[in-house]
């Protein structure tokens, strides 16, 4: 087992995101009463401090994450909310930070290029 030198940022949609997602396209799949238990995990820089400041960890990455979350639901940017600042991001998503990321399988950690 190896510790991955990254911090995991888990992004969980809040009601504001769900309301937007359910409003953008009548033919699209809708969020129900119980949104999916599976959420996107983003790996960011390793935390070296023992004090975890969620906002400071997310601040350098929130614009990319916000766009990725919107794009994963609805690709037409013209339908995206015009205000995509940090305050709106935090209103739309719950953020969980996890500093212990462990790789259990033996062998090298495999990655592949992801292009949204």
C-alpha atoms as a PDB file:
ATOM      1  CA  UNK A   1       0.000   0.000   0.000  1.00  0.00           C
ATOM      2  CA  UNK A   2       1.247   3.472  -0.882  1.00  0.00           C
ATOM      3  CA  UNK A   3       0.095   6.922   0.151  1.00  0.00           C
ATOM      4  CA  UNK A   4      -0.734   9.061  -2.870  1.00  0.00           C
ATOM      5  CA  UNK A   5       0.787  12.509  -2.373  1.00  0.00           C
ATOM      6  CA  UNK A   6      -2.445  14.329  -3.201  1.00  0.00           C
ATOM      7  CA  UNK A   7      -5.486  15.646  -1.389  1.00  0.00           C
ATOM      8  CA  UNK A   8      -8.914  14.384  -2.446  1.00  0.00           C
ATOM      9  CA  UNK A   9     -11.629  17.004  -2.965  1.00  0.00           C
ATOM     10  CA  UNK A  10     -15.094  15.469  -3.129  1.00  0.00           C
ATOM     11  CA  UNK A  11     -17.753  17.650  -4.768  1.00  0.00           C
ATOM     12  CA  UNK A  12     -21.376  16.990  -3.793  1.00  0.00           C
ATOM     13  CA  UNK A  13     -24.210  18.894  -5.503  1.00  0.00           C
ATOM     14  CA  UNK A  14     -26.431  20.986  -3.246  1.00  0.00           C
ATOM     15  CA  UNK A  15     -30.034  21.939  -3.952  1.00  0.00           C
ATOM     16  CA  UNK A  16     -29.037  25.040  -5.978  1.00  0.00           C
ATOM     17  CA  UNK A  17     -27.135  22.882  -8.474  1.00  0.00           C
ATOM     18  CA  UNK A  18     -29.914  20.287  -8.543  1.00  0.00           C
ATOM     19  CA  UNK A  19     -32.528  22.982  -9.243  1.00  0.00           C
ATOM     20  CA  UNK A  20     -30.432  24.352 -12.115  1.00  0.00           C
ATOM     21  CA  UNK A  21     -29.692  20.868 -13.497  1.00  0.00           C
ATOM     22  CA  UNK A  22     -33.354  19.927 -13.445  1.00  0.00           C
ATOM     23  CA  UNK A  23     -34.341  23.164 -15.208  1.00  0.00           C
ATOM     24  CA  UNK A  24     -31.970  23.241 -18.196  1.00  0.00           C
ATOM     25  CA  UNK A  25     -33.380  20.582 -20.490  1.00  0.00           C
ATOM     26  CA  UNK A  26     -36.819  18.989 -20.409  1.00  0.00           C
ATOM     27  CA  UNK A  27     -35.600  15.890 -22.261  1.00  0.00           C
ATOM     28  CA  UNK A  28     -32.611  15.354 -19.966  1.00  0.00           C
ATOM     29  CA  UNK A  29     -32.386  12.938 -17.050  1.00  0.00           C
ATOM     30  CA  UNK A  30     -33.484  14.654 -13.842  1.00  0.00           C
ATOM     31  CA  UNK A  31     -32.195  14.483 -10.299  1.00  0.00           C
ATOM     32  CA  UNK A  32     -34.729  12.702  -8.139  1.00  0.00           C
ATOM     33  CA  UNK A  33     -35.360  13.088  -4.427  1.00  0.00           C
ATOM     34  CA  UNK A  34     -32.157  11.190  -3.627  1.00  0.00           C
ATOM     35  CA  UNK A  35     -29.271  12.345  -5.823  1.00  0.00           C
ATOM     36  CA  UNK A  36     -26.640   9.806  -6.772  1.00  0.00           C
ATOM     37  CA  UNK A  37     -24.425   8.635  -3.924  1.00  0.00           C
ATOM     38  CA  UNK A  38     -21.458   8.717  -6.317  1.00  0.00           C
ATOM     39  CA  UNK A  39     -19.675  12.052  -6.557  1.00  0.00           C
ATOM     40  CA  UNK A  40     -16.693  13.369  -8.455  1.00  0.00           C
ATOM     41  CA  UNK A  41     -13.348  13.310  -6.697  1.00  0.00           C
ATOM     42  CA  UNK A  42     -10.625  15.738  -7.737  1.00  0.00           C
ATOM     43  CA  UNK A  43      -7.032  15.250  -6.638  1.00  0.00           C
ATOM     44  CA  UNK A  44      -5.185  18.459  -5.792  1.00  0.00           C
ATOM     45  CA  UNK A  45      -1.895  19.330  -4.132  1.00  0.00           C
ATOM     46  CA  UNK A  46      -0.909  17.398  -1.028  1.00  0.00           C
ATOM     47  CA  UNK A  47      -1.777  19.119   2.252  1.00  0.00           C
ATOM     48  CA  UNK A  48       1.292  19.714   4.362  1.00  0.00           C
ATOM     49  CA  UNK A  49      -0.476  21.505   7.226  1.00  0.00           C
ATOM     50  CA  UNK A  50      -2.535  19.735   9.834  1.00  0.00           C
ATOM     51  CA  UNK A  51      -5.101  22.538   9.791  1.00  0.00           C
ATOM     52  CA  UNK A  52      -7.438  21.972   6.858  1.00  0.00           C
ATOM     53  CA  UNK A  53      -8.904  25.144   5.345  1.00  0.00           C
ATOM     54  CA  UNK A  54     -11.379  23.902   2.759  1.00  0.00           C
ATOM     55  CA  UNK A  55     -11.794  27.262   1.035  1.00  0.00           C
ATOM     56  CA  UNK A  56      -8.056  27.803   0.662  1.00  0.00           C
ATOM     57  CA  UNK A  57      -7.603  24.298  -0.738  1.00  0.00           C
ATOM     58  CA  UNK A  58     -10.427  24.753  -3.269  1.00  0.00           C
ATOM     59  CA  UNK A  59      -9.761  28.406  -4.193  1.00  0.00           C
ATOM     60  CA  UNK A  60      -7.083  27.735  -6.873  1.00  0.00           C
ATOM     61  CA  UNK A  61      -9.230  25.023  -8.491  1.00  0.00           C
ATOM     62  CA  UNK A  62     -12.869  26.048  -8.063  1.00  0.00           C
ATOM     63  CA  UNK A  63     -13.268  27.615 -11.529  1.00  0.00           C
ATOM     64  CA  UNK A  64     -12.131  24.434 -13.272  1.00  0.00           C
ATOM     65  CA  UNK A  65     -14.221  22.235 -10.955  1.00  0.00           C
ATOM     66  CA  UNK A  66     -17.302  24.447 -11.374  1.00  0.00           C
ATOM     67  CA  UNK A  67     -17.035  24.319 -15.178  1.00  0.00           C
ATOM     68  CA  UNK A  68     -16.421  20.573 -15.124  1.00  0.00           C
ATOM     69  CA  UNK A  69     -19.465  19.928 -12.937  1.00  0.00           C
ATOM     70  CA  UNK A  70     -21.678  22.122 -15.135  1.00  0.00           C
ATOM     71  CA  UNK A  71     -20.285  20.595 -18.318  1.00  0.00           C
ATOM     72  CA  UNK A  72     -20.781  17.056 -17.036  1.00  0.00           C
ATOM     73  CA  UNK A  73     -24.488  17.795 -16.717  1.00  0.00           C
ATOM     74  CA  UNK A  74     -25.172  20.215 -19.582  1.00  0.00           C
ATOM     75  CA  UNK A  75     -22.691  21.188 -22.315  1.00  0.00           C
ATOM     76  CA  UNK A  76     -24.315  24.416 -23.546  1.00  0.00           C
ATOM     77  CA  UNK A  77     -22.372  27.153 -21.774  1.00  0.00           C
ATOM     78  CA  UNK A  78     -25.036  29.687 -22.714  1.00  0.00           C
ATOM     79  CA  UNK A  79     -27.355  27.866 -20.273  1.00  0.00           C
ATOM     80  CA  UNK A  80     -24.833  27.921 -17.439  1.00  0.00           C
ATOM     81  CA  UNK A  81     -25.312  30.415 -14.620  1.00  0.00           C
ATOM     82  CA  UNK A  82     -23.531  33.682 -15.479  1.00  0.00           C
ATOM     83  CA  UNK A  83     -22.173  34.118 -11.959  1.00  0.00           C
ATOM     84  CA  UNK A  84     -19.593  31.403 -11.302  1.00  0.00           C
ATOM     85  CA  UNK A  85     -17.551  32.944  -8.497  1.00  0.00           C
ATOM     86  CA  UNK A  86     -16.305  31.162  -5.368  1.00  0.00           C
ATOM     87  CA  UNK A  87     -19.331  32.217  -3.318  1.00  0.00           C
ATOM     88  CA  UNK A  88     -21.744  30.729  -5.871  1.00  0.00           C
ATOM     89  CA  UNK A  89     -19.612  27.586  -6.126  1.00  0.00           C
ATOM     90  CA  UNK A  90     -19.867  27.070  -2.375  1.00  0.00           C
ATOM     91  CA  UNK A  91     -23.634  27.682  -2.513  1.00  0.00           C
ATOM     92  CA  UNK A  92     -23.983  25.035  -5.224  1.00  0.00           C
ATOM     93  CA  UNK A  93     -21.637  22.345  -3.884  1.00  0.00           C
ATOM     94  CA  UNK A  94     -20.693  20.768  -0.596  1.00  0.00           C
ATOM     95  CA  UNK A  95     -16.944  20.205  -0.472  1.00  0.00           C
ATOM     96  CA  UNK A  96     -15.243  17.442   1.472  1.00  0.00           C
ATOM     97  CA  UNK A  97     -11.470  17.326   1.878  1.00  0.00           C
ATOM     98  CA  UNK A  98      -9.558  14.105   2.517  1.00  0.00           C
ATOM     99  CA  UNK A  99      -5.811  14.248   3.012  1.00  0.00           C
ATOM    100  CA  UNK A 100      -5.208  10.508   3.287  1.00  0.00           C
ATOM    101  CA  UNK A 101      -5.369   8.950  -0.171  1.00  0.00           C
ATOM    102  CA  UNK A 102      -4.125   5.367  -0.155  1.00  0.00           C
ATOM    103  CA  UNK A 103      -3.458   3.187  -3.186  1.00  0.00           C
ATOM    104  CA  UNK A 104      -4.112  -0.430  -2.192  1.00  0.00           C
ATOM    105  CA  UNK A 105      -3.369  -2.519  -5.315  1.00  0.00           C
ATOM    106  CA  UNK A 106       0.209  -3.570  -5.916  1.00  0.00           C
ATOM    107  CA  UNK A 107       2.002  -2.061  -8.862  1.00  0.00           C
ATOM    108  CA  UNK A 108       2.216   1.407 -10.297  1.00  0.00           C
ATOM    109  CA  UNK A 109      -0.636   3.854 -10.098  1.00  0.00           C
ATOM    110  CA  UNK A 110      -2.018   4.100 -13.629  1.00  0.00           C
ATOM    111  CA  UNK A 111      -3.366   7.304 -15.114  1.00  0.00           C
ATOM    112  CA  UNK A 112      -4.824   8.313 -18.445  1.00  0.00           C
ATOM    113  CA  UNK A 113      -5.306  11.694 -20.108  1.00  0.00           C
ATOM    114  CA  UNK A 114      -8.787  13.129 -19.546  1.00  0.00           C
ATOM    115  CA  UNK A 115     -10.105  15.808 -21.849  1.00  0.00           C
ATOM    116  CA  UNK A 116     -13.475  17.265 -20.861  1.00  0.00           C
END
